[in-house]
Structure formats: C-alpha cells, structure tokens
Amino acid sequence: MAAKKLYGAVESQATMRALASLLEHEVEFQFVALDLNAGEHKKEPFLTLSPLGTLPIFQDGDLIIFGSRPIMRCVSHIYLNPKTNQVYMAPKMQGIVSTWIDVEDHHFDPPALKLISELVYKPKNGLPPDEMTVASE
C-alpha cells in the first residue's frame, strides 16, 4: 500500500491544522514540505493533486484531499480514535460538531489570520503592523 503523505508548508496555518488532526488520530504519514516562496504548490506535479494550488494536500493511496478542513473531516471519519472522538452517529451530536467547525471556519479563522499577518509575518519581514487592522480585530 502507498504511504500516506501530507504535502504542505510549516508556515501555513492550514497545514498546521491538518498536521494536528493527523497526529491527534495517530496516523502514520510522511510530511512533504513545499516551498511557498518558490511557488511549488502552484506548479506540477502538485497542481494535479490540488487543482486550485492550495495547501495542504493529503494523499492516501488513490484518495487525494486538499484543504485543511476537508482533510480533518476525512481523517476523523477514516481513522477513528476513541480518545479523540469527533464523529458521532447521533445526528444531533454531529450537528453540534458541524456548527462549531463552521464557527471556527467563518468567525474565528479570518480575524486570527489577519492578526497573525500583522503581528507575526509583517514584523518578521521588517514591516510594521497596521495598528488600525490590529485594533479592529
């Protein structure tokens, strides 16, 4: 059987989300680091795996999933871990889990990414953070 692989970049929040899910579910996999600055994720062979050129990409044999949240959902269903149960057969419980996944996706993640950009990446690149953006988030 082909080895499971996670393609991503350590500086990518999305990659870290997928990585955390794989580790939490104790899935053995190979991490394949891509160079975002070189645009590796926007070139072949990676565009064959992720047609939108987005990271991360999870490959398990002929199964290819791109995007951190789809990877997390797939991993939660395929590699069930009783210690970290995130899949419920009861529709009400699954509805609650889905609600909070969407809350994180649409209400927490966007402002968090703006703050990370302003407070981490800009200073790292010698640029000052935009105080108005930081204050608004």
Protein backbone atom coordinates (compact mmCIF):
# COMPACT_ATOMS: atom_id res chain seq x y z
CA MET A 1 0.00 0.00 0.00
CA ALA A 2 1.22 3.50 -0.82
CA ALA A 3 2.42 5.62 2.06
CA LYS A 4 0.15 8.33 3.38
CA LYS A 5 1.52 11.79 2.65
CA LEU A 6 0.72 15.30 3.78
CA TYR A 7 2.04 17.97 1.44
CA GLY A 8 2.27 21.40 3.00
CA ALA A 9 4.37 24.20 4.41
CA VAL A 10 5.26 24.63 8.06
CA GLU A 11 4.47 28.35 7.86
CA SER A 12 0.93 27.59 6.67
CA GLN A 13 -1.85 27.71 9.28
CA ALA A 14 -3.90 25.34 7.13
CA THR A 15 -1.06 22.82 7.00
CA MET A 16 -0.72 23.00 10.79
CA ARG A 17 -4.46 22.30 11.17
CA ALA A 18 -4.22 19.16 9.01
CA LEU A 19 -0.97 18.10 10.69
CA ALA A 20 -2.58 18.41 14.14
CA SER A 21 -5.52 16.26 13.04
CA LEU A 22 -3.27 13.52 11.64
CA LEU A 23 -1.16 13.48 14.80
CA GLU A 24 -4.23 13.55 17.05
CA HIS A 25 -5.61 10.50 15.24
CA GLU A 26 -2.22 8.77 15.40
CA VAL A 27 -2.00 8.34 11.63
CA GLU A 28 1.43 7.34 10.30
CA PHE A 29 2.31 9.55 7.34
CA GLN A 30 5.16 11.24 5.52
CA PHE A 31 5.32 15.04 5.59
CA VAL A 32 6.39 16.55 2.26
CA ALA A 33 7.46 20.17 2.78
CA LEU A 34 6.74 22.57 -0.06
CA ASP A 35 8.44 25.93 -0.57
CA LEU A 36 5.69 28.55 -0.71
CA ASN A 37 8.13 31.30 -1.68
CA ALA A 38 9.18 29.28 -4.74
CA GLY A 39 5.51 28.64 -5.58
CA GLU A 40 5.93 24.86 -5.60
CA HIS A 41 2.24 24.45 -4.73
CA LYS A 42 1.30 26.29 -7.94
CA LYS A 43 3.33 24.00 -10.22
CA GLU A 44 3.18 20.40 -11.37
CA PRO A 45 3.07 17.78 -10.01
CA PHE A 46 1.17 19.47 -7.18
CA LEU A 47 -1.50 21.05 -9.39
CA THR A 48 -2.51 17.52 -10.33
CA LEU A 49 -3.10 16.84 -6.63
CA SER A 50 -4.68 20.22 -5.81
CA PRO A 51 -6.12 21.88 -8.95
CA LEU A 52 -6.57 25.19 -7.09
CA GLY A 53 -2.94 25.18 -5.94
CA THR A 54 -3.97 25.21 -2.29
CA LEU A 55 -2.33 23.56 0.68
CA PRO A 56 -2.36 21.21 2.42
CA ILE A 57 -2.85 18.07 0.36
CA PHE A 58 -3.41 14.64 1.93
CA GLN A 59 -2.76 11.54 -0.16
CA ASP A 60 -3.63 8.03 0.97
CA GLY A 61 -3.23 5.71 -1.99
CA ASP A 62 -5.71 6.88 -4.63
CA LEU A 63 -7.50 9.17 -2.16
CA ILE A 64 -6.45 12.79 -2.57
CA ILE A 65 -7.98 15.52 -0.40
CA PHE A 66 -6.94 19.17 -0.42
CA GLY A 67 -7.83 21.84 2.10
CA SER A 68 -7.30 21.56 5.86
CA ARG A 69 -10.94 21.24 6.91
CA PRO A 70 -11.83 18.54 4.36
CA ILE A 71 -8.67 16.69 5.43
CA MET A 72 -9.64 16.99 9.08
CA ARG A 73 -13.17 15.69 8.41
CA CYS A 74 -11.85 12.81 6.29
CA VAL A 75 -9.24 11.84 8.87
CA SER A 76 -11.83 11.97 11.66
CA HIS A 77 -14.06 9.53 9.78
CA ILE A 78 -11.47 7.13 8.35
CA TYR A 79 -9.07 6.93 11.30
CA LEU A 80 -11.45 6.85 14.22
CA ASN A 81 -9.70 7.36 17.53
CA PRO A 82 -11.79 6.67 20.64
CA LYS A 83 -9.55 9.02 22.65
CA THR A 84 -10.44 11.98 20.42
CA ASN A 85 -13.89 11.13 19.11
CA GLN A 86 -15.12 13.78 16.67
CA VAL A 87 -17.58 11.63 14.75
CA TYR A 88 -20.98 10.98 16.23
CA MET A 89 -23.66 8.70 14.84
CA ALA A 90 -26.36 10.67 16.66
CA PRO A 91 -27.49 13.37 14.22
CA LYS A 92 -27.90 15.97 16.99
CA MET A 93 -24.32 15.49 18.21
CA GLN A 94 -22.96 15.61 14.67
CA GLY A 95 -24.97 18.79 14.12
CA ILE A 96 -23.35 20.39 17.16
CA VAL A 97 -19.87 19.41 15.96
CA SER A 98 -20.62 20.77 12.46
CA THR A 99 -21.87 24.04 13.92
CA TRP A 100 -18.66 24.64 15.85
CA ILE A 101 -16.49 23.65 12.87
CA ASP A 102 -18.29 26.33 10.84
CA VAL A 103 -17.97 28.88 13.66
CA GLU A 104 -14.20 28.33 13.71
CA ASP A 105 -14.03 28.49 9.90
CA HIS A 106 -16.08 31.65 9.38
CA HIS A 107 -15.86 33.65 12.60
CA PHE A 108 -12.56 32.79 14.31
CA ASP A 109 -10.15 31.97 11.49
CA PRO A 110 -10.49 35.14 9.35
CA PRO A 111 -9.63 37.64 12.13
CA ALA A 112 -6.99 35.27 13.55
CA LEU A 113 -5.24 35.11 10.17
CA LYS A 114 -5.30 38.91 9.89
CA LEU A 115 -3.72 39.23 13.33
CA ILE A 116 -1.08 36.61 12.50
CA SER A 117 -0.24 38.50 9.33
CA GLU A 118 0.02 41.85 11.12
CA LEU A 119 1.73 40.70 14.33
CA VAL A 120 3.96 37.85 13.07
CA TYR A 121 4.63 37.93 9.34
CA LYS A 122 4.96 41.67 8.80
CA PRO A 123 7.48 42.16 11.66
CA LYS A 124 9.33 39.04 10.52
CA ASN A 125 9.74 40.72 7.11
CA GLY A 126 10.78 44.05 8.59
CA LEU A 127 7.40 45.73 8.13
CA PRO A 128 5.40 47.46 10.85
CA PRO A 129 1.97 46.05 11.70
CA ASP A 130 -1.07 48.09 10.70
CA GLU A 131 -2.31 49.23 14.11
CA MET A 132 -5.81 50.01 12.74
CA THR A 133 -6.18 46.43 11.48
CA VAL A 134 -4.93 45.03 14.79
CA ALA A 135 -7.31 47.24 16.78
CA SER A 136 -10.29 46.29 14.60
CA GLU A 137 -9.76 42.57 15.09
